Amino acid sequence: MTDVPQLIINTPVTLAVAIMALWLGVQINRRVAFLHNYNIPPAVTGGLPISALVAVAELGSGWEIRFDLQLRDLLLIAFFSTIGLSARFRQMLEGGKALLLMLGLAVVLLLFQNLTGVVIALLAGERPLYGLIGGSISLAGGHGTAITWGQLFEEHFAIVDASSLGMAFATAGLITGGLIGGPVGAYLIRRHQLQADPRDPALPVLEVGKETIYQINLNGLLTGVLLVALCFALGAAVYDWVVTLGIRVPAFLTAMFLGIVLTNGLELCRVAVDYRPVQLIGDISLQLFLGMSLISLPLLALQGALGMIGLVMVLQAVVITLFTLWLVFPLLGRNYDAACISAGFIGMGLGATPVGIANMNALTNRFGPSPKAYLVIPLLGAFFIDIANATLVQLLLGFSYFS
């Protein structure tokens, strides 16, 4: 077996290409009415063509092209830090009931995803375990969960392609979640004529022609950077301590928690802070994270099982869309926050938490802010749904049917 030569794109070039992908996505969305009207994230419309070009270059050169994504991981922590810094206890209490409801609905969705995957696997003449790979393991779980369970399936159940297949499904889910979440949310907003709460804070901007200018000053920006840096430093210390206790949580979750503590502590001490720069830092971090994620998608991993993956994704997209329209949106109150959470739920359920947030970001940039959505979806996706997913998969593997 010969090793495929690798070309690693360094961090500065990766950042530059990600920015170009975002610019490309903005231009495509402006020129294609469908993409603009249904709020497809620019990172999706700009990142996919570039990742396709990378795949073509790999085929033509025989090299494996990979991007250095260390900065991307730091940007994710920065973004969730800003989410924590934007959270007030009053808003968190208001979102608590919604979070509990969404956790229950997420468990039901996980069951439906696995049922759908198992049925398709049986109809294709494959083992039911393949249905779990094409279900919640790769979709709600994402790439990290797909790799973890894929290795276990390869070692204990002799499914030799479990990891690569899981990565392929996770990649397809990432794309699908970004494509349908925004349109579903926009449909709900328009059909029910929903509007954002005018009391919710938004970052003031000046519209000059087609350009958006944020109203911030240097001191405010430096304060925002300092607060995010404190979330990084203190969050890392808390993360290391939690790991010593044998508890595994995402690194960005501790940073977000420290952000919540910092912002409410400052408010309790009556320290005035301009949080507009914090929101700007969050917007930049999220867009760059998504840009890097989309340009680095390993599209060649989809070849070989494209037909089956396509069928599974279509059916899974139908399942989560109907689930959202018939259960999530009505149970959350059929209001503007419910529509934004619905868009985020689809992105999170098919791809990953950042995709869900990108869907919500596309909606809130156009229709107005939804602080409750930005609390519910990150908390649900960052922690609770992973625990529920791991528990459910473990329970299913306990049945002899899946052995």
Protein backbone atom coordinates (compact mmCIF):
# COMPACT_ATOMS: atom_id res chain seq x y z
CA MET A 1 0.00 0.00 0.00
CA THR A 2 1.57 3.31 -1.12
CA ASP A 3 1.10 6.47 0.88
CA VAL A 4 -0.69 9.31 -0.90
CA PRO A 5 1.48 12.47 -0.87
CA GLN A 6 -0.03 15.27 1.23
CA LEU A 7 -0.05 19.00 0.67
CA ILE A 8 -0.79 20.96 3.86
CA ILE A 9 -2.13 24.48 3.33
CA ASN A 10 -0.77 26.65 6.15
CA THR A 11 -2.87 28.82 8.47
CA PRO A 12 -2.47 32.23 6.73
CA VAL A 13 -3.42 30.78 3.34
CA THR A 14 -6.31 28.86 4.90
CA LEU A 15 -7.58 32.10 6.43
CA ALA A 16 -7.24 33.95 3.13
CA VAL A 17 -9.09 31.25 1.19
CA ALA A 18 -11.86 31.18 3.83
CA ILE A 19 -12.35 34.94 3.47
CA MET A 20 -12.47 34.61 -0.31
CA ALA A 21 -15.07 31.86 0.09
CA LEU A 22 -17.22 34.16 2.23
CA TRP A 23 -16.93 36.99 -0.30
CA LEU A 24 -17.79 34.58 -3.09
CA GLY A 25 -20.82 33.37 -1.15
CA VAL A 26 -22.07 36.91 -0.58
CA GLN A 27 -21.75 37.69 -4.29
CA ILE A 28 -23.49 34.47 -5.33
CA ASN A 29 -26.34 35.09 -2.87
CA ARG A 30 -26.80 38.63 -4.22
CA ARG A 31 -27.08 37.37 -7.79
CA VAL A 32 -29.18 34.26 -7.18
CA ALA A 33 -32.57 35.34 -5.84
CA PHE A 34 -33.44 31.90 -4.45
CA LEU A 35 -30.33 31.76 -2.27
CA HIS A 36 -30.93 35.29 -0.96
CA ASN A 37 -34.65 34.87 -0.36
CA TYR A 38 -34.21 31.61 1.55
CA ASN A 39 -31.23 32.76 3.61
CA ILE A 40 -28.65 30.17 2.57
CA PRO A 41 -25.48 31.00 4.59
CA PRO A 42 -22.75 32.59 2.40
CA ALA A 43 -20.24 30.12 3.85
CA VAL A 44 -22.20 27.30 2.19
CA THR A 45 -22.66 28.92 -1.22
CA GLY A 46 -19.07 30.15 -1.33
CA GLY A 47 -17.33 27.30 0.48
CA LEU A 48 -18.78 24.42 -1.54
CA PRO A 49 -17.43 25.61 -4.93
CA ILE A 50 -13.96 26.00 -3.43
CA SER A 51 -14.05 22.58 -1.76
CA ALA A 52 -15.16 21.17 -5.13
CA LEU A 53 -12.16 22.83 -6.82
CA VAL A 54 -9.91 21.29 -4.16
CA ALA A 55 -11.41 17.87 -4.90
CA VAL A 56 -10.77 18.34 -8.63
CA ALA A 57 -7.18 19.38 -7.90
CA GLU A 58 -6.71 16.26 -5.76
CA LEU A 59 -8.00 14.04 -8.56
CA GLY A 60 -5.79 15.71 -11.15
CA SER A 61 -2.60 15.81 -9.10
CA GLY A 62 -2.88 12.63 -7.07
CA TRP A 63 -2.09 14.65 -3.95
CA GLU A 64 -4.18 14.85 -0.80
CA ILE A 65 -4.81 18.53 -0.06
CA ARG A 66 -5.53 19.43 3.55
CA PHE A 67 -5.96 22.78 5.30
CA ASP A 68 -4.39 23.67 8.64
CA LEU A 69 -7.45 24.16 10.88
CA GLN A 70 -5.87 25.09 14.22
CA LEU A 71 -7.12 28.67 13.88
CA ARG A 72 -10.60 27.37 13.06
CA ASP A 73 -10.81 25.56 16.39
CA LEU A 74 -9.76 28.73 18.24
CA LEU A 75 -12.39 30.74 16.37
CA LEU A 76 -15.06 28.32 17.54
CA ILE A 77 -14.02 28.92 21.16
CA ALA A 78 -14.03 32.69 20.54
CA PHE A 79 -17.53 32.53 19.11
CA PHE A 80 -18.97 30.56 22.00
CA SER A 81 -17.22 32.93 24.40
CA THR A 82 -19.19 35.79 22.86
CA ILE A 83 -22.38 33.73 23.21
CA GLY A 84 -21.69 33.42 26.93
CA LEU A 85 -20.80 37.11 27.24
CA SER A 86 -24.13 38.01 25.63
CA ALA A 87 -26.17 35.88 28.04
CA ARG A 88 -28.06 37.49 30.90
CA PHE A 89 -29.61 35.46 33.70
CA ARG A 90 -33.02 36.92 32.87
CA GLN A 91 -32.77 35.67 29.30
CA MET A 92 -31.44 32.30 30.46
CA LEU A 93 -34.40 31.83 32.79
CA GLU A 94 -36.73 32.70 29.94
CA GLY A 95 -34.98 30.16 27.73
CA GLY A 96 -34.84 27.42 30.38
CA LYS A 97 -38.25 25.96 29.57
CA ALA A 98 -37.49 26.04 25.87
CA LEU A 99 -34.18 24.24 26.48
CA LEU A 100 -35.86 21.44 28.46
CA LEU A 101 -38.53 21.08 25.78
CA MET A 102 -35.92 21.01 23.03
CA LEU A 103 -33.93 18.35 24.87
CA GLY A 104 -36.99 16.09 24.94
CA LEU A 105 -37.69 16.76 21.27
CA ALA A 106 -34.04 16.10 20.40
CA VAL A 107 -34.20 12.64 21.98
CA VAL A 108 -37.28 11.85 19.89
CA LEU A 109 -35.49 13.11 16.77
CA LEU A 110 -32.52 10.84 17.51
CA LEU A 111 -34.89 7.87 17.62
CA PHE A 112 -36.44 8.85 14.29
CA GLN A 113 -33.03 9.34 12.67
CA ASN A 114 -31.88 5.89 13.72
CA LEU A 115 -35.16 4.28 12.71
CA THR A 116 -34.91 5.88 9.27
CA GLY A 117 -31.31 4.75 8.86
CA VAL A 118 -32.03 1.17 9.96
CA VAL A 119 -34.99 0.84 7.61
CA ILE A 120 -32.91 2.03 4.65
CA ALA A 121 -30.06 -0.31 5.60
CA LEU A 122 -32.41 -3.30 5.77
CA LEU A 123 -34.01 -2.43 2.43
CA ALA A 124 -30.50 -2.24 0.92
CA GLY A 125 -29.65 -5.65 2.37
CA GLU A 126 -27.10 -4.30 4.85
CA ARG A 127 -26.65 -4.89 8.57
CA PRO A 128 -28.75 -2.67 10.89
CA LEU A 129 -25.52 -1.20 12.27
CA TYR A 130 -25.10 0.67 9.00
CA GLY A 131 -28.40 2.37 9.79
CA LEU A 132 -26.95 3.77 13.02
CA ILE A 133 -23.98 5.14 11.06
CA GLY A 134 -26.40 6.83 8.66
CA GLY A 135 -28.52 7.96 11.61
CA SER A 136 -27.80 9.95 14.74
CA ILE A 137 -24.16 8.89 15.03
CA SER A 138 -23.06 10.86 11.97
CA LEU A 139 -25.86 13.43 11.65
CA ALA A 140 -26.68 14.78 15.11
CA GLY A 141 -23.26 13.61 16.29
CA GLY A 142 -21.13 15.16 13.56
CA HIS A 143 -17.61 14.29 12.47
CA GLY A 144 -16.14 13.72 15.92
CA THR A 145 -18.85 11.30 16.98
CA ALA A 146 -18.73 9.56 13.59
CA ILE A 147 -15.00 8.88 13.97
CA THR A 148 -15.33 7.68 17.58
CA TRP A 149 -18.16 5.23 16.93
CA GLY A 150 -16.72 4.28 13.53
CA GLN A 151 -13.53 3.02 15.17
CA LEU A 152 -15.58 1.04 17.69
CA PHE A 153 -17.69 -0.53 14.91
CA GLU A 154 -14.54 -1.48 13.01
CA GLU A 155 -12.92 -3.10 16.06
CA HIS A 156 -15.91 -4.86 17.62
CA PHE A 157 -18.38 -5.42 14.76
CA ALA A 158 -16.01 -5.97 11.81
CA ILE A 159 -17.43 -3.12 9.71
CA VAL A 160 -14.21 -2.19 7.94
CA ASP A 161 -15.45 1.06 6.35
CA ALA A 162 -17.37 2.42 9.36
CA SER A 163 -15.14 5.46 9.99
CA SER A 164 -14.93 6.61 6.38
CA LEU A 165 -18.65 6.02 5.86
CA GLY A 166 -19.44 7.96 9.03
CA MET A 167 -17.28 10.87 7.84
CA ALA A 168 -19.06 10.83 4.49
CA PHE A 169 -22.49 10.95 6.12
CA ALA A 170 -21.36 13.70 8.51
CA THR A 171 -20.06 15.75 5.58
CA ALA A 172 -23.28 15.30 3.62
CA GLY A 173 -25.27 16.22 6.72
CA LEU A 174 -23.22 19.38 7.21
CA ILE A 175 -24.07 20.50 3.68
CA THR A 176 -27.73 19.48 3.86
CA GLY A 177 -28.29 21.16 7.22
CA GLY A 178 -26.90 24.43 5.87
CA LEU A 179 -29.05 24.22 2.75
CA ILE A 180 -32.48 23.56 4.27
CA GLY A 181 -32.39 25.13 7.75
CA GLY A 182 -32.50 28.74 6.56
CA PRO A 183 -35.30 28.20 4.01
CA VAL A 184 -37.48 26.43 6.58
CA GLY A 185 -36.98 29.24 9.10
CA ALA A 186 -37.68 31.92 6.48
CA TYR A 187 -40.82 30.05 5.40
CA LEU A 188 -42.13 29.99 8.97
CA ILE A 189 -41.39 33.68 9.48
CA ARG A 190 -43.14 34.71 6.28
CA ARG A 191 -46.10 32.39 6.54
CA HIS A 192 -46.93 33.41 10.10
CA GLN A 193 -45.83 37.05 9.61
CA LEU A 194 -43.49 36.90 12.58
CA GLN A 195 -41.32 39.74 13.84
CA ALA A 196 -38.44 40.03 16.28
CA ASP A 197 -39.10 41.52 19.70
CA PRO A 198 -38.16 45.22 19.37
CA ARG A 199 -36.86 45.12 22.97
CA ASP A 200 -34.13 42.65 22.07
CA PRO A 201 -30.76 44.37 21.57
CA ALA A 202 -29.19 44.41 18.16
CA LEU A 203 -25.83 45.74 17.06
CA PRO A 204 -26.48 49.20 15.56
CA VAL A 205 -25.19 49.61 12.04
CA LEU A 206 -25.09 52.29 9.37
CA GLU A 207 -26.08 51.28 5.87
CA VAL A 208 -23.98 53.20 3.33
CA GLY A 209 -24.98 52.04 -0.12
CA LYS A 210 -24.58 48.29 0.09
CA GLU A 211 -21.98 48.44 2.85
CA THR A 212 -22.59 47.78 6.56
CA ILE A 213 -20.62 49.90 9.02
CA TYR A 214 -20.64 48.88 12.69
CA GLN A 215 -20.81 51.69 15.24
CA ILE A 216 -18.04 50.86 17.71
CA ASN A 217 -14.94 52.61 19.08
CA LEU A 218 -11.41 51.40 19.76
CA ASN A 219 -11.71 51.29 23.56
CA GLY A 220 -14.91 49.28 23.31
CA LEU A 221 -13.28 46.88 20.86
CA LEU A 222 -10.26 46.39 23.13
CA THR A 223 -12.59 45.70 26.06
CA GLY A 224 -14.42 43.11 23.97
CA VAL A 225 -11.13 41.42 23.00
CA LEU A 226 -10.07 41.40 26.67
CA LEU A 227 -13.32 39.73 27.76
CA VAL A 228 -13.01 37.05 25.07
CA ALA A 229 -9.35 36.47 26.06
CA LEU A 230 -10.42 36.03 29.70
CA CYS A 231 -12.99 33.45 28.58
CA PHE A 232 -10.19 31.63 26.73
CA ALA A 233 -7.79 31.66 29.69
CA LEU A 234 -10.23 30.92 32.51
CA GLY A 235 -12.21 28.50 30.36
CA ALA A 236 -9.02 26.54 29.59
CA ALA A 237 -8.23 26.28 33.30
CA VAL A 238 -11.75 25.03 34.08
CA TYR A 239 -11.55 22.60 31.14
CA ASP A 240 -8.29 21.10 32.44
CA TRP A 241 -9.83 20.71 35.90
CA VAL A 242 -12.97 19.05 34.52
CA VAL A 243 -10.85 16.62 32.49
CA THR A 244 -9.01 15.55 35.66
CA LEU A 245 -12.40 14.55 37.07
CA GLY A 246 -12.91 12.19 34.13
CA ILE A 247 -15.61 14.37 32.55
CA ARG A 248 -15.34 14.98 28.81
CA VAL A 249 -16.91 18.19 27.53
CA PRO A 250 -16.16 20.35 24.47
CA ALA A 251 -13.52 23.02 25.18
CA PHE A 252 -15.82 25.77 23.95
CA LEU A 253 -18.46 24.85 26.54
CA THR A 254 -16.26 25.93 29.45
CA ALA A 255 -15.38 29.15 27.62
CA MET A 256 -19.07 29.88 27.13
CA PHE A 257 -19.77 29.13 30.79
CA LEU A 258 -17.02 31.55 31.87
CA GLY A 259 -18.54 34.16 29.55
CA ILE A 260 -21.87 33.80 31.33
CA VAL A 261 -20.17 34.17 34.72
CA LEU A 262 -18.16 37.22 33.60
CA THR A 263 -21.00 39.16 32.01
CA ASN A 264 -23.41 38.60 34.89
CA GLY A 265 -20.69 39.30 37.43
CA LEU A 266 -19.95 42.64 35.76
CA GLU A 267 -23.65 43.43 35.65
CA LEU A 268 -24.02 42.57 39.34
CA CYS A 269 -21.11 44.90 40.15
CA ARG A 270 -22.74 47.57 37.95
CA VAL A 271 -19.73 47.79 35.64
CA ALA A 272 -20.82 49.38 32.36
CA VAL A 273 -19.61 47.45 29.32
CA ASP A 274 -20.37 48.11 25.66
CA TYR A 275 -21.25 44.65 24.33
CA ARG A 276 -21.57 45.72 20.68
CA PRO A 277 -17.91 44.91 19.97
CA VAL A 278 -18.41 41.49 21.59
CA GLN A 279 -21.19 40.79 19.11
CA LEU A 280 -18.97 41.95 16.25
CA ILE A 281 -16.18 39.61 17.40
CA GLY A 282 -18.73 36.78 17.54
CA ASP A 283 -19.96 37.52 14.01
CA ILE A 284 -16.42 37.55 12.60
CA SER A 285 -15.41 34.39 14.46
CA LEU A 286 -18.48 32.47 13.31
CA GLN A 287 -18.15 33.47 9.66
CA LEU A 288 -14.45 32.61 9.53
CA PHE A 289 -15.06 29.30 11.32
CA LEU A 290 -17.73 28.32 8.81
CA GLY A 291 -15.64 29.48 5.88
CA MET A 292 -12.74 27.29 6.98
CA SER A 293 -15.05 24.35 7.66
CA LEU A 294 -16.68 24.47 4.24
CA ILE A 295 -13.54 24.92 2.16
CA SER A 296 -11.94 21.96 3.95
CA LEU A 297 -14.78 19.49 3.40
CA PRO A 298 -13.31 16.19 2.10
CA LEU A 299 -15.74 15.82 -0.79
CA LEU A 300 -13.83 12.88 -2.23
CA ALA A 301 -14.92 10.90 0.83
CA LEU A 302 -18.42 10.94 -0.62
CA GLN A 303 -17.49 9.02 -3.75
CA GLY A 304 -18.15 5.30 -3.83
CA ALA A 305 -21.34 5.51 -1.78
CA LEU A 306 -22.83 8.64 -3.31
CA GLY A 307 -26.12 7.04 -4.35
CA MET A 308 -26.88 5.53 -0.96
CA ILE A 309 -25.70 8.62 0.90
CA GLY A 310 -27.91 10.80 -1.29
CA LEU A 311 -30.97 8.62 -0.62
CA VAL A 312 -30.34 8.59 3.12
CA MET A 313 -29.85 12.36 3.25
CA VAL A 314 -33.03 13.08 1.31
CA LEU A 315 -35.09 10.91 3.65
CA GLN A 316 -33.37 12.26 6.77
CA ALA A 317 -33.96 15.82 5.53
CA VAL A 318 -37.65 15.06 5.06
CA VAL A 319 -37.85 13.51 8.54
CA ILE A 320 -36.27 16.46 10.36
CA THR A 321 -38.21 19.03 8.32
CA LEU A 322 -41.57 17.45 9.08
CA PHE A 323 -40.52 16.93 12.70
CA THR A 324 -39.65 20.62 12.98
CA LEU A 325 -42.78 21.90 11.25
CA TRP A 326 -45.19 19.62 13.12
CA LEU A 327 -43.59 19.46 16.58
CA VAL A 328 -40.72 21.87 17.26
CA PHE A 329 -42.26 25.09 15.93
CA PRO A 330 -45.78 24.57 17.37
CA LEU A 331 -44.58 23.41 20.80
CA LEU A 332 -42.24 26.38 21.12
CA GLY A 333 -45.13 28.79 20.63
CA ARG A 334 -45.21 29.57 16.89
CA ASN A 335 -43.39 32.87 17.45
CA TYR A 336 -40.26 34.47 16.01
CA ASP A 337 -37.91 32.79 18.49
CA ALA A 338 -39.52 29.44 17.63
CA ALA A 339 -38.81 30.00 13.92
CA CYS A 340 -35.15 30.86 14.58
CA ILE A 341 -34.73 27.88 16.91
CA SER A 342 -36.34 25.67 14.24
CA ALA A 343 -33.73 26.75 11.67
CA GLY A 344 -30.95 26.12 14.18
CA PHE A 345 -32.42 22.76 15.17
CA ILE A 346 -32.34 21.54 11.57
CA GLY A 347 -28.74 22.64 11.06
CA MET A 348 -27.69 21.06 14.35
CA GLY A 349 -29.68 17.86 13.80
CA LEU A 350 -28.25 17.22 10.34
CA GLY A 351 -24.80 18.74 10.59
CA ALA A 352 -23.31 20.39 13.64
CA THR A 353 -24.01 23.14 16.15
CA PRO A 354 -22.12 25.84 14.16
CA VAL A 355 -24.25 25.04 11.11
CA GLY A 356 -27.38 25.53 13.20
CA ILE A 357 -26.02 28.84 14.45
CA ALA A 358 -25.16 29.89 10.88
CA ASN A 359 -28.77 29.22 9.88
CA MET A 360 -29.99 31.38 12.77
CA ASN A 361 -27.42 34.04 11.92
CA ALA A 362 -28.71 34.24 8.35
CA LEU A 363 -32.24 34.78 9.67
CA THR A 364 -31.42 37.25 12.45
CA ASN A 365 -29.26 39.37 10.14
CA ARG A 366 -32.29 39.84 7.94
CA PHE A 367 -35.30 39.73 10.26
CA GLY A 368 -33.97 40.82 13.66
CA PRO A 369 -32.29 39.40 16.80
CA SER A 370 -33.37 36.33 18.78
CA PRO A 371 -31.34 36.05 22.02
CA LYS A 372 -33.34 33.02 23.17
CA ALA A 373 -32.38 31.05 20.05
CA TYR A 374 -28.70 31.86 20.61
CA LEU A 375 -28.94 30.42 24.12
CA VAL A 376 -31.03 27.32 23.45
CA ILE A 377 -29.28 25.90 20.36
CA PRO A 378 -25.65 26.31 21.55
CA LEU A 379 -26.41 24.76 24.95
CA LEU A 380 -28.43 21.94 23.40
CA GLY A 381 -25.88 21.23 20.68
CA ALA A 382 -22.75 21.71 22.74
CA PHE A 383 -23.59 19.41 25.60
CA PHE A 384 -27.02 17.88 26.04
CA ILE A 385 -27.61 16.32 22.63
CA ASP A 386 -24.19 14.60 22.64
CA ILE A 387 -24.97 12.96 25.99
CA ALA A 388 -28.43 11.91 24.78
CA ASN A 389 -27.00 10.58 21.52
CA ALA A 390 -24.23 8.56 23.17
CA THR A 391 -26.68 7.11 25.70
CA LEU A 392 -29.20 6.15 23.03
CA VAL A 393 -26.63 4.51 20.76
CA GLN A 394 -25.23 2.56 23.69
CA LEU A 395 -28.72 1.35 24.60
CA LEU A 396 -29.43 0.29 21.02
CA LEU A 397 -26.17 -1.66 20.82
CA GLY A 398 -27.29 -3.56 23.88
CA PHE A 399 -29.99 -5.26 21.81
CA SER A 400 -28.96 -8.51 20.15
CA TYR A 401 -30.60 -7.26 16.94
CA PHE A 402 -27.62 -4.94 16.32
CA SER A 403 -24.88 -7.43 17.18
